[in-house]
Amino acid sequence: MIESFYHAFHGIWIGLKEERNVRIHFASAVAVIGLGLWLKVDFNAWAFLAVAIGFVLTTEFLNTSLEHLVDISANGEYHESARYAKDTAAAAVLCSSVMAMIIGAVVFVPKLLQVFHI
C-alpha cells in the first residue's frame, strides 16, 4: 500500500513539474483556499469549494494521463480519433473548470460585496 501512495505522489510531482496546466490549477486551488480563509467562508462553502477543487484537479490529471496514452498509441502519427480523444478530455477539464468558477462566484461574490460595501 505504501508503494501505491508513492506512485500517486510521484504522479502529482510529475504533473507539477512537467505540465503547465496542472501548475495553473494547483495555483488556482491555493488562491481559492487563501481567499476562503481571508473571507472566513462557512463549512458548507468549504465543502463546495473542496469538491470543485478536487474535481478540477482530478479531470486535469485524467486529461494529462489520457494525452500521454494517446501520444504513445499514435506513435507520433496524426490520427483523427486521437485528436478527438484529446479534445474531449480537454473538454472535461473545461467543464469542471467552468463549474468550479460558478461555485467560486456563488461562494465569494456575496462575501466580497460585503467586504467592499457594495
PDB file of N, CA and C in Angstrom:
ATOM      1  N   MET A   1       0.817  -1.186   0.000  1.00  0.00           N
ATOM      2  CA  MET A   1       0.000   0.000   0.000  1.00  0.00           C
ATOM      3  C   MET A   1       0.872   1.265   0.000  1.00  0.00           C
ATOM      4  N   ILE A   2       1.961   1.248   0.729  1.00  0.00           N
ATOM      5  CA  ILE A   2       2.850   2.409   0.767  1.00  0.00           C
ATOM      6  C   ILE A   2       3.383   2.713  -0.631  1.00  0.00           C
ATOM      7  N   GLU A   3       3.682   1.652  -1.378  1.00  0.00           N
ATOM      8  CA  GLU A   3       4.177   1.847  -2.738  1.00  0.00           C
ATOM      9  C   GLU A   3       3.128   2.525  -3.617  1.00  0.00           C
ATOM     10  N   SER A   4       1.865   2.190  -3.413  1.00  0.00           N
ATOM     11  CA  SER A   4       0.788   2.832  -4.177  1.00  0.00           C
ATOM     12  C   SER A   4       0.746   4.331  -3.903  1.00  0.00           C
ATOM     13  N   PHE A   5       0.896   4.710  -2.645  1.00  0.00           N
ATOM     14  CA  PHE A   5       0.928   6.133  -2.307  1.00  0.00           C
ATOM     15  C   PHE A   5       2.148   6.811  -2.931  1.00  0.00           C
ATOM     16  N   TYR A   6       3.269   6.122  -2.906  1.00  0.00           N
ATOM     17  CA  TYR A   6       4.478   6.667  -3.526  1.00  0.00           C
ATOM     18  C   TYR A   6       4.210   6.994  -4.995  1.00  0.00           C
ATOM     19  N   HIS A   7       3.609   6.046  -5.722  1.00  0.00           N
ATOM     20  CA  HIS A   7       3.346   6.267  -7.153  1.00  0.00           C
ATOM     21  C   HIS A   7       2.347   7.401  -7.359  1.00  0.00           C
ATOM     22  N   ALA A   8       1.347   7.493  -6.502  1.00  0.00           N
ATOM     23  CA  ALA A   8       0.365   8.572  -6.628  1.00  0.00           C
ATOM     24  C   ALA A   8       1.022   9.936  -6.398  1.00  0.00           C
ATOM     25  N   PHE A   9       1.829  10.044  -5.357  1.00  0.00           N
ATOM     26  CA  PHE A   9       2.516  11.311  -5.103  1.00  0.00           C
ATOM     27  C   PHE A   9       3.548  11.617  -6.188  1.00  0.00           C
ATOM     28  N   HIS A  10       4.160  10.584  -6.722  1.00  0.00           N
ATOM     29  CA  HIS A  10       5.085  10.776  -7.837  1.00  0.00           C
ATOM     30  C   HIS A  10       4.328  11.326  -9.047  1.00  0.00           C
ATOM     31  N   GLY A  11       3.114  10.846  -9.278  1.00  0.00           N
ATOM     32  CA  GLY A  11       2.295  11.366 -10.372  1.00  0.00           C
ATOM     33  C   GLY A  11       1.966  12.837 -10.177  1.00  0.00           C
ATOM     34  N   ILE A  12       1.674  13.226  -8.932  1.00  0.00           N
ATOM     35  CA  ILE A  12       1.429  14.647  -8.655  1.00  0.00           C
ATOM     36  C   ILE A  12       2.696  15.450  -8.947  1.00  0.00           C
ATOM     37  N   TRP A  13       3.838  14.936  -8.495  1.00  0.00           N
ATOM     38  CA  TRP A  13       5.114  15.621  -8.734  1.00  0.00           C
ATOM     39  C   TRP A  13       5.385  15.767 -10.230  1.00  0.00           C
ATOM     40  N   ILE A  14       5.186  14.699 -10.982  1.00  0.00           N
ATOM     41  CA  ILE A  14       5.405  14.750 -12.436  1.00  0.00           C
ATOM     42  C   ILE A  14       4.474  15.783 -13.065  1.00  0.00           C
ATOM     43  N   GLY A  15       3.205  15.770 -12.663  1.00  0.00           N
ATOM     44  CA  GLY A  15       2.255  16.742 -13.197  1.00  0.00           C
ATOM     45  C   GLY A  15       2.693  18.168 -12.925  1.00  0.00           C
ATOM     46  N   LEU A  16       3.113  18.433 -11.678  1.00  0.00           N
ATOM     47  CA  LEU A  16       3.546  19.786 -11.326  1.00  0.00           C
ATOM     48  C   LEU A  16       4.825  20.179 -12.056  1.00  0.00           C
ATOM     49  N   LYS A  17       5.710  19.232 -12.241  1.00  0.00           N
ATOM     50  CA  LYS A  17       7.000  19.510 -12.872  1.00  0.00           C
ATOM     51  C   LYS A  17       6.884  19.682 -14.391  1.00  0.00           C
ATOM     52  N   GLU A  18       6.027  18.878 -15.014  1.00  0.00           N
ATOM     53  CA  GLU A  18       6.016  18.794 -16.477  1.00  0.00           C
ATOM     54  C   GLU A  18       4.827  19.475 -17.160  1.00  0.00           C
ATOM     55  N   GLU A  19       3.746  19.690 -16.449  1.00  0.00           N
ATOM     56  CA  GLU A  19       2.509  20.143 -17.102  1.00  0.00           C
ATOM     57  C   GLU A  19       2.093  21.533 -16.628  1.00  0.00           C
ATOM     58  N   ARG A  20       2.143  22.495 -17.545  1.00  0.00           N
ATOM     59  CA  ARG A  20       1.771  23.877 -17.225  1.00  0.00           C
ATOM     60  C   ARG A  20       0.360  23.973 -16.652  1.00  0.00           C
ATOM     61  N   ASN A  21      -0.599  23.268 -17.250  1.00  0.00           N
ATOM     62  CA  ASN A  21      -1.978  23.382 -16.789  1.00  0.00           C
ATOM     63  C   ASN A  21      -2.182  22.812 -15.394  1.00  0.00           C
ATOM     64  N   VAL A  22      -1.433  21.775 -15.044  1.00  0.00           N
ATOM     65  CA  VAL A  22      -1.507  21.255 -13.677  1.00  0.00           C
ATOM     66  C   VAL A  22      -1.027  22.327 -12.701  1.00  0.00           C
ATOM     67  N   ARG A  23       0.066  22.998 -13.037  1.00  0.00           N
ATOM     68  CA  ARG A  23       0.567  24.076 -12.172  1.00  0.00           C
ATOM     69  C   ARG A  23      -0.450  25.209 -12.054  1.00  0.00           C
ATOM     70  N   ILE A  24      -1.097  25.554 -13.154  1.00  0.00           N
ATOM     71  CA  ILE A  24      -2.113  26.609 -13.127  1.00  0.00           C
ATOM     72  C   ILE A  24      -3.258  26.213 -12.199  1.00  0.00           C
ATOM     73  N   HIS A  25      -3.726  24.973 -12.306  1.00  0.00           N
ATOM     74  CA  HIS A  25      -4.844  24.531 -11.466  1.00  0.00           C
ATOM     75  C   HIS A  25      -4.449  24.441  -9.994  1.00  0.00           C
ATOM     76  N   PHE A  26      -3.226  24.007  -9.718  1.00  0.00           N
ATOM     77  CA  PHE A  26      -2.761  23.984  -8.323  1.00  0.00           C
ATOM     78  C   PHE A  26      -2.643  25.402  -7.776  1.00  0.00           C
ATOM     79  N   ALA A  27      -2.123  26.324  -8.558  1.00  0.00           N
ATOM     80  CA  ALA A  27      -2.008  27.718  -8.122  1.00  0.00           C
ATOM     81  C   ALA A  27      -3.396  28.311  -7.875  1.00  0.00           C
ATOM     82  N   SER A  28      -4.338  27.978  -8.745  1.00  0.00           N
ATOM     83  CA  SER A  28      -5.712  28.445  -8.558  1.00  0.00           C
ATOM     84  C   SER A  28      -6.312  27.883  -7.276  1.00  0.00           C
ATOM     85  N   ALA A  29      -6.023  26.620  -6.989  1.00  0.00           N
ATOM     86  CA  ALA A  29      -6.527  25.995  -5.758  1.00  0.00           C
ATOM     87  C   ALA A  29      -5.963  26.713  -4.530  1.00  0.00           C
ATOM     88  N   VAL A  30      -4.672  27.039  -4.563  1.00  0.00           N
ATOM     89  CA  VAL A  30      -4.055  27.761  -3.445  1.00  0.00           C
ATOM     90  C   VAL A  30      -4.698  29.137  -3.295  1.00  0.00           C
ATOM     91  N   ALA A  31      -4.953  29.819  -4.405  1.00  0.00           N
ATOM     92  CA  ALA A  31      -5.591  31.136  -4.362  1.00  0.00           C
ATOM     93  C   ALA A  31      -7.003  31.036  -3.779  1.00  0.00           C
ATOM     94  N   VAL A  32      -7.751  30.014  -4.182  1.00  0.00           N
ATOM     95  CA  VAL A  32      -9.116  29.828  -3.673  1.00  0.00           C
ATOM     96  C   VAL A  32      -9.084  29.563  -2.165  1.00  0.00           C
ATOM     97  N   ILE A  33      -8.153  28.721  -1.737  1.00  0.00           N
ATOM     98  CA  ILE A  33      -8.030  28.426  -0.305  1.00  0.00           C
ATOM     99  C   ILE A  33      -7.660  29.695   0.461  1.00  0.00           C
ATOM    100  N   GLY A  34      -6.736  30.464  -0.069  1.00  0.00           N
ATOM    101  CA  GLY A  34      -6.362  31.727   0.572  1.00  0.00           C
ATOM    102  C   GLY A  34      -7.515  32.698   0.658  1.00  0.00           C
ATOM    103  N   LEU A  35      -8.265  32.822  -0.422  1.00  0.00           N
ATOM    104  CA  LEU A  35      -9.424  33.713  -0.431  1.00  0.00           C
ATOM    105  C   LEU A  35     -10.488  33.232   0.551  1.00  0.00           C
ATOM    106  N   GLY A  36     -10.695  31.911   0.602  1.00  0.00           N
ATOM    107  CA  GLY A  36     -11.664  31.359   1.545  1.00  0.00           C
ATOM    108  C   GLY A  36     -11.277  31.627   2.991  1.00  0.00           C
ATOM    109  N   LEU A  37      -9.981  31.507   3.290  1.00  0.00           N
ATOM    110  CA  LEU A  37      -9.511  31.800   4.653  1.00  0.00           C
ATOM    111  C   LEU A  37      -9.680  33.282   4.973  1.00  0.00           C
ATOM    112  N   TRP A  38      -9.327  34.139   4.012  1.00  0.00           N
ATOM    113  CA  TRP A  38      -9.432  35.579   4.222  1.00  0.00           C
ATOM    114  C   TRP A  38     -10.885  36.006   4.438  1.00  0.00           C
ATOM    115  N   LEU A  39     -11.789  35.424   3.657  1.00  0.00           N
ATOM    116  CA  LEU A  39     -13.203  35.792   3.754  1.00  0.00           C
ATOM    117  C   LEU A  39     -13.959  34.999   4.828  1.00  0.00           C
ATOM    118  N   LYS A  40     -13.275  34.053   5.462  1.00  0.00           N
ATOM    119  CA  LYS A  40     -13.875  33.241   6.523  1.00  0.00           C
ATOM    120  C   LYS A  40     -15.185  32.577   6.072  1.00  0.00           C
ATOM    121  N   VAL A  41     -15.094  31.820   4.980  1.00  0.00           N
ATOM    122  CA  VAL A  41     -16.294  31.152   4.473  1.00  0.00           C
ATOM    123  C   VAL A  41     -16.719  30.055   5.447  1.00  0.00           C
ATOM    124  N   ASP A  42     -18.002  29.722   5.421  1.00  0.00           N
ATOM    125  CA  ASP A  42     -18.537  28.734   6.360  1.00  0.00           C
ATOM    126  C   ASP A  42     -18.267  27.300   5.882  1.00  0.00           C
ATOM    127  N   PHE A  43     -18.652  26.343   6.721  1.00  0.00           N
ATOM    128  CA  PHE A  43     -18.385  24.931   6.457  1.00  0.00           C
ATOM    129  C   PHE A  43     -18.969  24.469   5.129  1.00  0.00           C
ATOM    130  N   ASN A  44     -20.223  24.844   4.852  1.00  0.00           N
ATOM    131  CA  ASN A  44     -20.852  24.410   3.599  1.00  0.00           C
ATOM    132  C   ASN A  44     -20.123  24.970   2.380  1.00  0.00           C
ATOM    133  N   ALA A  45     -19.689  26.209   2.472  1.00  0.00           N
ATOM    134  CA  ALA A  45     -18.938  26.813   1.368  1.00  0.00           C
ATOM    135  C   ALA A  45     -17.626  26.065   1.160  1.00  0.00           C
ATOM    136  N   TRP A  46     -16.936  25.719   2.264  1.00  0.00           N
ATOM    137  CA  TRP A  46     -15.697  24.954   2.151  1.00  0.00           C
ATOM    138  C   TRP A  46     -15.949  23.609   1.480  1.00  0.00           C
ATOM    139  N   ALA A  47     -17.071  22.996   1.806  1.00  0.00           N
ATOM    140  CA  ALA A  47     -17.383  21.698   1.193  1.00  0.00           C
ATOM    141  C   ALA A  47     -17.534  21.847  -0.323  1.00  0.00           C
ATOM    142  N   PHE A  48     -18.267  22.858  -0.754  1.00  0.00           N
ATOM    143  CA  PHE A  48     -18.441  23.080  -2.194  1.00  0.00           C
ATOM    144  C   PHE A  48     -17.106  23.422  -2.863  1.00  0.00           C
ATOM    145  N   LEU A  49     -16.314  24.274  -2.211  1.00  0.00           N
ATOM    146  CA  LEU A  49     -15.013  24.641  -2.781  1.00  0.00           C
ATOM    147  C   LEU A  49     -14.095  23.429  -2.872  1.00  0.00           C
ATOM    148  N   ALA A  50     -14.094  22.589  -1.845  1.00  0.00           N
ATOM    149  CA  ALA A  50     -13.230  21.400  -1.849  1.00  0.00           C
ATOM    150  C   ALA A  50     -13.618  20.444  -2.971  1.00  0.00           C
ATOM    151  N   VAL A  51     -14.916  20.246  -3.158  1.00  0.00           N
ATOM    152  CA  VAL A  51     -15.368  19.364  -4.237  1.00  0.00           C
ATOM    153  C   VAL A  51     -14.980  19.954  -5.592  1.00  0.00           C
ATOM    154  N   ALA A  52     -15.153  21.259  -5.758  1.00  0.00           N
ATOM    155  CA  ALA A  52     -14.805  21.905  -7.026  1.00  0.00           C
ATOM    156  C   ALA A  52     -13.303  21.782  -7.301  1.00  0.00           C
ATOM    157  N   ILE A  53     -12.483  22.067  -6.299  1.00  0.00           N
ATOM    158  CA  ILE A  53     -11.034  21.959  -6.465  1.00  0.00           C
ATOM    159  C   ILE A  53     -10.651  20.524  -6.800  1.00  0.00           C
ATOM    160  N   GLY A  54     -11.186  19.583  -6.044  1.00  0.00           N
ATOM    161  CA  GLY A  54     -10.872  18.174  -6.286  1.00  0.00           C
ATOM    162  C   GLY A  54     -11.296  17.711  -7.659  1.00  0.00           C
ATOM    163  N   PHE A  55     -12.454  18.161  -8.110  1.00  0.00           N
ATOM    164  CA  PHE A  55     -12.955  17.745  -9.417  1.00  0.00           C
ATOM    165  C   PHE A  55     -12.085  18.312 -10.541  1.00  0.00           C
ATOM    166  N   VAL A  56     -11.694  19.575 -10.431  1.00  0.00           N
ATOM    167  CA  VAL A  56     -10.843  20.178 -11.469  1.00  0.00           C
ATOM    168  C   VAL A  56      -9.487  19.481 -11.518  1.00  0.00           C
ATOM    169  N   LEU A  57      -8.870  19.271 -10.352  1.00  0.00           N
ATOM    170  CA  LEU A  57      -7.563  18.609 -10.339  1.00  0.00           C
ATOM    171  C   LEU A  57      -7.669  17.180 -10.862  1.00  0.00           C
ATOM    172  N   THR A  58      -8.735  16.485 -10.495  1.00  0.00           N
ATOM    173  CA  THR A  58      -8.930  15.116 -10.973  1.00  0.00           C
ATOM    174  C   THR A  58      -9.067  15.072 -12.489  1.00  0.00           C
ATOM    175  N   THR A  59      -9.906  15.946 -13.042  1.00  0.00           N
ATOM    176  CA  THR A  59     -10.081  15.933 -14.502  1.00  0.00           C
ATOM    177  C   THR A  59      -8.788  16.344 -15.203  1.00  0.00           C
ATOM    178  N   GLU A  60      -8.027  17.263 -14.611  1.00  0.00           N
ATOM    179  CA  GLU A  60      -6.760  17.668 -15.229  1.00  0.00           C
ATOM    180  C   GLU A  60      -5.770  16.507 -15.238  1.00  0.00           C
ATOM    181  N   PHE A  61      -5.674  15.768 -14.140  1.00  0.00           N
ATOM    182  CA  PHE A  61      -4.766  14.615 -14.125  1.00  0.00           C
ATOM    183  C   PHE A  61      -5.235  13.522 -15.085  1.00  0.00           C
ATOM    184  N   LEU A  62      -6.527  13.289 -15.162  1.00  0.00           N
ATOM    185  CA  LEU A  62      -7.031  12.302 -16.121  1.00  0.00           C
ATOM    186  C   LEU A  62      -6.760  12.749 -17.555  1.00  0.00           C
ATOM    187  N   ASN A  63      -6.962  14.024 -17.824  1.00  0.00           N
ATOM    188  CA  ASN A  63      -6.681  14.559 -19.155  1.00  0.00           C
ATOM    189  C   ASN A  63      -5.201  14.380 -19.501  1.00  0.00           C
ATOM    190  N   THR A  64      -4.338  14.690 -18.561  1.00  0.00           N
ATOM    191  CA  THR A  64      -2.898  14.558 -18.798  1.00  0.00           C
ATOM    192  C   THR A  64      -2.522  13.107 -19.069  1.00  0.00           C
ATOM    193  N   SER A  65      -3.049  12.199 -18.264  1.00  0.00           N
ATOM    194  CA  SER A  65      -2.697  10.792 -18.471  1.00  0.00           C
ATOM    195  C   SER A  65      -3.252  10.283 -19.801  1.00  0.00           C
ATOM    196  N   LEU A  66      -4.450  10.708 -20.175  1.00  0.00           N
ATOM    197  CA  LEU A  66      -5.009  10.289 -21.457  1.00  0.00           C
ATOM    198  C   LEU A  66      -4.177  10.835 -22.616  1.00  0.00           C
ATOM    199  N   GLU A  67      -3.723  12.073 -22.496  1.00  0.00           N
ATOM    200  CA  GLU A  67      -2.883  12.646 -23.552  1.00  0.00           C
ATOM    201  C   GLU A  67      -1.607  11.825 -23.739  1.00  0.00           C
ATOM    202  N   HIS A  68      -0.995  11.419 -22.636  1.00  0.00           N
ATOM    203  CA  HIS A  68       0.220  10.607 -22.739  1.00  0.00           C
ATOM    204  C   HIS A  68      -0.075   9.254 -23.391  1.00  0.00           C
ATOM    205  N   LEU A  69      -1.153   8.629 -22.992  1.00  0.00           N
ATOM    206  CA  LEU A  69      -1.512   7.337 -23.582  1.00  0.00           C
ATOM    207  C   LEU A  69      -1.820   7.462 -25.068  1.00  0.00           C
ATOM    208  N   VAL A  70      -2.517   8.508 -25.451  1.00  0.00           N
ATOM    209  CA  VAL A  70      -2.827   8.721 -26.867  1.00  0.00           C
ATOM    210  C   VAL A  70      -1.548   8.958 -27.652  1.00  0.00           C
ATOM    211  N   ASP A  71      -0.635   9.750 -27.098  1.00  0.00           N
ATOM    212  CA  ASP A  71       0.630  10.006 -27.785  1.00  0.00           C
ATOM    213  C   ASP A  71       1.417   8.711 -27.984  1.00  0.00           C
ATOM    214  N   ILE A  72       1.427   7.856 -26.965  1.00  0.00           N
ATOM    215  CA  ILE A  72       2.122   6.570 -27.089  1.00  0.00           C
ATOM    216  C   ILE A  72       1.488   5.723 -28.186  1.00  0.00           C
ATOM    217  N   SER A  73       0.172   5.641 -28.174  1.00  0.00           N
ATOM    218  CA  SER A  73      -0.510   4.760 -29.136  1.00  0.00           C
ATOM    219  C   SER A  73      -0.457   5.291 -30.561  1.00  0.00           C
ATOM    220  N   ALA A  74      -0.306   6.593 -30.721  1.00  0.00           N
ATOM    221  CA  ALA A  74      -0.276   7.179 -32.067  1.00  0.00           C
ATOM    222  C   ALA A  74       1.107   7.086 -32.703  1.00  0.00           C
ATOM    223  N   ASN A  75       2.124   6.762 -31.927  1.00  0.00           N
ATOM    224  CA  ASN A  75       3.489   6.632 -32.454  1.00  0.00           C
ATOM    225  C   ASN A  75       3.940   7.856 -33.253  1.00  0.00           C
ATOM    226  N   GLY A  76       3.563   9.029 -32.816  1.00  0.00           N
ATOM    227  CA  GLY A  76       3.998  10.246 -33.495  1.00  0.00           C
ATOM    228  C   GLY A  76       3.259  10.554 -34.776  1.00  0.00           C
ATOM    229  N   GLU A  77       2.282   9.742 -35.129  1.00  0.00           N
ATOM    230  CA  GLU A  77       1.497   9.978 -36.343  1.00  0.00           C
ATOM    231  C   GLU A  77       0.172  10.630 -35.976  1.00  0.00           C
ATOM    232  N   TYR A  78      -0.373  11.380 -36.945  1.00  0.00           N
ATOM    233  CA  TYR A  78      -1.663  12.014 -36.726  1.00  0.00           C
ATOM    234  C   TYR A  78      -2.779  11.004 -36.956  1.00  0.00           C
ATOM    235  N   HIS A  79      -3.698  10.943 -35.999  1.00  0.00           N
ATOM    236  CA  HIS A  79      -4.920  10.155 -36.138  1.00  0.00           C
ATOM    237  C   HIS A  79      -6.080  11.028 -35.678  1.00  0.00           C
ATOM    238  N   GLU A  80      -7.100  11.096 -36.489  1.00  0.00           N
ATOM    239  CA  GLU A  80      -8.232  11.936 -36.129  1.00  0.00           C
ATOM    240  C   GLU A  80      -8.881  11.481 -34.826  1.00  0.00           C
ATOM    241  N   SER A  81      -8.972  10.171 -34.626  1.00  0.00           N
ATOM    242  CA  SER A  81      -9.572   9.685 -33.384  1.00  0.00           C
ATOM    243  C   SER A  81      -8.702  10.033 -32.167  1.00  0.00           C
ATOM    244  N   ALA A  82      -7.392  10.103 -32.341  1.00  0.00           N
ATOM    245  CA  ALA A  82      -6.513  10.534 -31.256  1.00  0.00           C
ATOM    246  C   ALA A  82      -6.774  11.995 -30.914  1.00  0.00           C
ATOM    247  N   ARG A  83      -6.946  12.803 -31.934  1.00  0.00           N
ATOM    248  CA  ARG A  83      -7.279  14.210 -31.712  1.00  0.00           C
ATOM    249  C   ARG A  83      -8.600  14.337 -30.974  1.00  0.00           C
ATOM    250  N   TYR A  84      -9.599  13.570 -31.388  1.00  0.00           N
ATOM    251  CA  TYR A  84     -10.905  13.633 -30.726  1.00  0.00           C
ATOM    252  C   TYR A  84     -10.808  13.210 -29.269  1.00  0.00           C
ATOM    253  N   ALA A  85     -10.015  12.171 -28.999  1.00  0.00           N
ATOM    254  CA  ALA A  85      -9.841  11.721 -27.610  1.00  0.00           C
ATOM    255  C   ALA A  85      -9.221  12.836 -26.767  1.00  0.00           C
ATOM    256  N   LYS A  86      -8.203  13.470 -27.301  1.00  0.00           N
ATOM    257  CA  LYS A  86      -7.545  14.551 -26.562  1.00  0.00           C
ATOM    258  C   LYS A  86      -8.470  15.756 -26.388  1.00  0.00           C
ATOM    259  N   ASP A  87      -9.202  16.100 -27.450  1.00  0.00           N
ATOM    260  CA  ASP A  87     -10.094  17.256 -27.374  1.00  0.00           C
ATOM    261  C   ASP A  87     -11.238  17.033 -26.388  1.00  0.00           C
ATOM    262  N   THR A  88     -11.798  15.820 -26.380  1.00  0.00           N
ATOM    263  CA  THR A  88     -12.909  15.575 -25.451  1.00  0.00           C
ATOM    264  C   THR A  88     -12.414  15.490 -24.012  1.00  0.00           C
ATOM    265  N   ALA A  89     -11.203  14.999 -23.801  1.00  0.00           N
ATOM    266  CA  ALA A  89     -10.637  15.006 -22.446  1.00  0.00           C
ATOM    267  C   ALA A  89     -10.394  16.447 -21.990  1.00  0.00           C
ATOM    268  N   ALA A  90      -9.921  17.281 -22.892  1.00  0.00           N
ATOM    269  CA  ALA A  90      -9.743  18.697 -22.561  1.00  0.00           C
ATOM    270  C   ALA A  90     -11.094  19.359 -22.277  1.00  0.00           C
ATOM    271  N   ALA A  91     -12.126  18.938 -22.984  1.00  0.00           N
ATOM    272  CA  ALA A  91     -13.470  19.471 -22.744  1.00  0.00           C
ATOM    273  C   ALA A  91     -13.943  19.131 -21.330  1.00  0.00           C
ATOM    274  N   ALA A  92     -13.579  17.956 -20.837  1.00  0.00           N
ATOM    275  CA  ALA A  92     -13.943  17.578 -19.462  1.00  0.00           C
ATOM    276  C   ALA A  92     -13.303  18.533 -18.462  1.00  0.00           C
ATOM    277  N   VAL A  93     -12.042  18.903 -18.703  1.00  0.00           N
ATOM    278  CA  VAL A  93     -11.367  19.857 -17.820  1.00  0.00           C
ATOM    279  C   VAL A  93     -12.050  21.215 -17.912  1.00  0.00           C
ATOM    280  N   LEU A  94     -12.413  21.614 -19.119  1.00  0.00           N
ATOM    281  CA  LEU A  94     -13.099  22.888 -19.300  1.00  0.00           C
ATOM    282  C   LEU A  94     -14.423  22.901 -18.542  1.00  0.00           C
ATOM    283  N   CYS A  95     -15.197  21.839 -18.681  1.00  0.00           N
ATOM    284  CA  CYS A  95     -16.494  21.760 -17.982  1.00  0.00           C
ATOM    285  C   CYS A  95     -16.314  21.837 -16.470  1.00  0.00           C
ATOM    286  N   SER A  96     -15.350  21.090 -15.940  1.00  0.00           N
ATOM    287  CA  SER A  96     -15.149  21.110 -14.490  1.00  0.00           C
ATOM    288  C   SER A  96     -14.633  22.476 -14.038  1.00  0.00           C
ATOM    289  N   SER A  97     -13.818  23.115 -14.855  1.00  0.00           N
ATOM    290  CA  SER A  97     -13.297  24.443 -14.505  1.00  0.00           C
ATOM    291  C   SER A  97     -14.397  25.500 -14.516  1.00  0.00           C
ATOM    292  N   VAL A  98     -15.270  25.442 -15.500  1.00  0.00           N
ATOM    293  CA  VAL A  98     -16.382  26.398 -15.556  1.00  0.00           C
ATOM    294  C   VAL A  98     -17.297  26.194 -14.351  1.00  0.00           C
ATOM    295  N   MET A  99     -17.590  24.942 -14.012  1.00  0.00           N
ATOM    296  CA  MET A  99     -18.430  24.684 -12.843  1.00  0.00           C
ATOM    297  C   MET A  99     -17.747  25.180 -11.572  1.00  0.00           C
ATOM    298  N   ALA A 100     -16.435  24.992 -11.472  1.00  0.00           N
ATOM    299  CA  ALA A 100     -15.700  25.485 -10.301  1.00  0.00           C
ATOM    300  C   ALA A 100     -15.754  27.008 -10.227  1.00  0.00           C
ATOM    301  N   MET A 101     -15.680  27.670 -11.372  1.00  0.00           N
ATOM    302  CA  MET A 101     -15.785  29.124 -11.383  1.00  0.00           C
ATOM    303  C   MET A 101     -17.168  29.582 -10.928  1.00  0.00           C
ATOM    304  N   ILE A 102     -18.200  28.861 -11.337  1.00  0.00           N
ATOM    305  CA  ILE A 102     -19.553  29.205 -10.910  1.00  0.00           C
ATOM    306  C   ILE A 102     -19.683  29.019  -9.398  1.00  0.00           C
ATOM    307  N   ILE A 103     -19.170  27.904  -8.888  1.00  0.00           N
ATOM    308  CA  ILE A 103     -19.201  27.663  -7.440  1.00  0.00           C
ATOM    309  C   ILE A 103     -18.425  28.763  -6.722  1.00  0.00           C
ATOM    310  N   GLY A 104     -17.258  29.101  -7.236  1.00  0.00           N
ATOM    311  CA  GLY A 104     -16.471  30.173  -6.636  1.00  0.00           C
ATOM    312  C   GLY A 104     -17.215  31.493  -6.627  1.00  0.00           C
ATOM    313  N   ALA A 105     -17.897  31.806  -7.696  1.00  0.00           N
ATOM    314  CA  ALA A 105     -18.673  33.049  -7.757  1.00  0.00           C
ATOM    315  C   ALA A 105     -19.809  33.039  -6.747  1.00  0.00           C
ATOM    316  N   VAL A 106     -20.511  31.917  -6.634  1.00  0.00           N
ATOM    317  CA  VAL A 106     -21.621  31.816  -5.679  1.00  0.00           C
ATOM    318  C   VAL A 106     -21.107  31.983  -4.244  1.00  0.00           C
ATOM    319  N   VAL A 107     -19.949  31.402  -3.961  1.00  0.00           N
ATOM    320  CA  VAL A 107     -19.388  31.484  -2.612  1.00  0.00           C
ATOM    321  C   VAL A 107     -18.773  32.859  -2.342  1.00  0.00           C
ATOM    322  N   PHE A 108     -17.981  33.367  -3.276  1.00  0.00           N
ATOM    323  CA  PHE A 108     -17.166  34.540  -2.989  1.00  0.00           C
ATOM    324  C   PHE A 108     -17.795  35.886  -3.305  1.00  0.00           C
ATOM    325  N   VAL A 109     -18.624  35.984  -4.336  1.00  0.00           N
ATOM    326  CA  VAL A 109     -19.162  37.297  -4.717  1.00  0.00           C
ATOM    327  C   VAL A 109     -19.947  37.941  -3.577  1.00  0.00           C
ATOM    328  N   PRO A 110     -20.879  37.247  -2.924  1.00  0.00           N
ATOM    329  CA  PRO A 110     -21.585  37.910  -1.811  1.00  0.00           C
ATOM    330  C   PRO A 110     -20.637  38.362  -0.691  1.00  0.00           C
ATOM    331  N   LYS A 111     -19.642  37.539  -0.381  1.00  0.00           N
ATOM    332  CA  LYS A 111     -18.670  37.891   0.669  1.00  0.00           C
ATOM    333  C   LYS A 111     -17.849  39.111   0.251  1.00  0.00           C
ATOM    334  N   LEU A 112     -17.418  39.140  -1.008  1.00  0.00           N
ATOM    335  CA  LEU A 112     -16.630  40.270  -1.497  1.00  0.00           C
ATOM    336  C   LEU A 112     -17.460  41.552  -1.533  1.00  0.00           C
ATOM    337  N   LEU A 113     -18.714  41.427  -1.873  1.00  0.00           N
ATOM    338  CA  LEU A 113     -19.597  42.606  -1.859  1.00  0.00           C
ATOM    339  C   LEU A 113     -19.735  43.174  -0.448  1.00  0.00           C
ATOM    340  N   GLN A 114     -19.785  42.283   0.545  1.00  0.00           N
ATOM    341  CA  GLN A 114     -19.836  42.747   1.940  1.00  0.00           C
ATOM    342  C   GLN A 114     -18.538  43.418   2.340  1.00  0.00           C
ATOM    343  N   VAL A 115     -17.426  42.823   1.983  1.00  0.00           N
ATOM    344  CA  VAL A 115     -16.127  43.384   2.373  1.00  0.00           C
ATOM    345  C   VAL A 115     -15.927  44.776   1.794  1.00  0.00           C
ATOM    346  N   PHE A 116     -16.309  44.946   0.537  1.00  0.00           N
ATOM    347  CA  PHE A 116     -16.094  46.228  -0.137  1.00  0.00           C
ATOM    348  C   PHE A 116     -17.319  47.147  -0.076  1.00  0.00           C
ATOM    349  N   HIS A 117     -18.316  46.755   0.733  1.00  0.00           N
ATOM    350  CA  HIS A 117     -19.514  47.573   0.973  1.00  0.00           C
ATOM    351  C   HIS A 117     -20.196  48.029  -0.311  1.00  0.00           C
ATOM    352  N   ILE A 118     -20.371  47.083  -1.196  1.00  0.00           N
ATOM    353  CA  ILE A 118     -21.029  47.395  -2.486  1.00  0.00           C
ATOM    354  C   ILE A 118     -22.467  46.954  -2.415  1.00  0.00           C
TER     355      ILE A 118
END
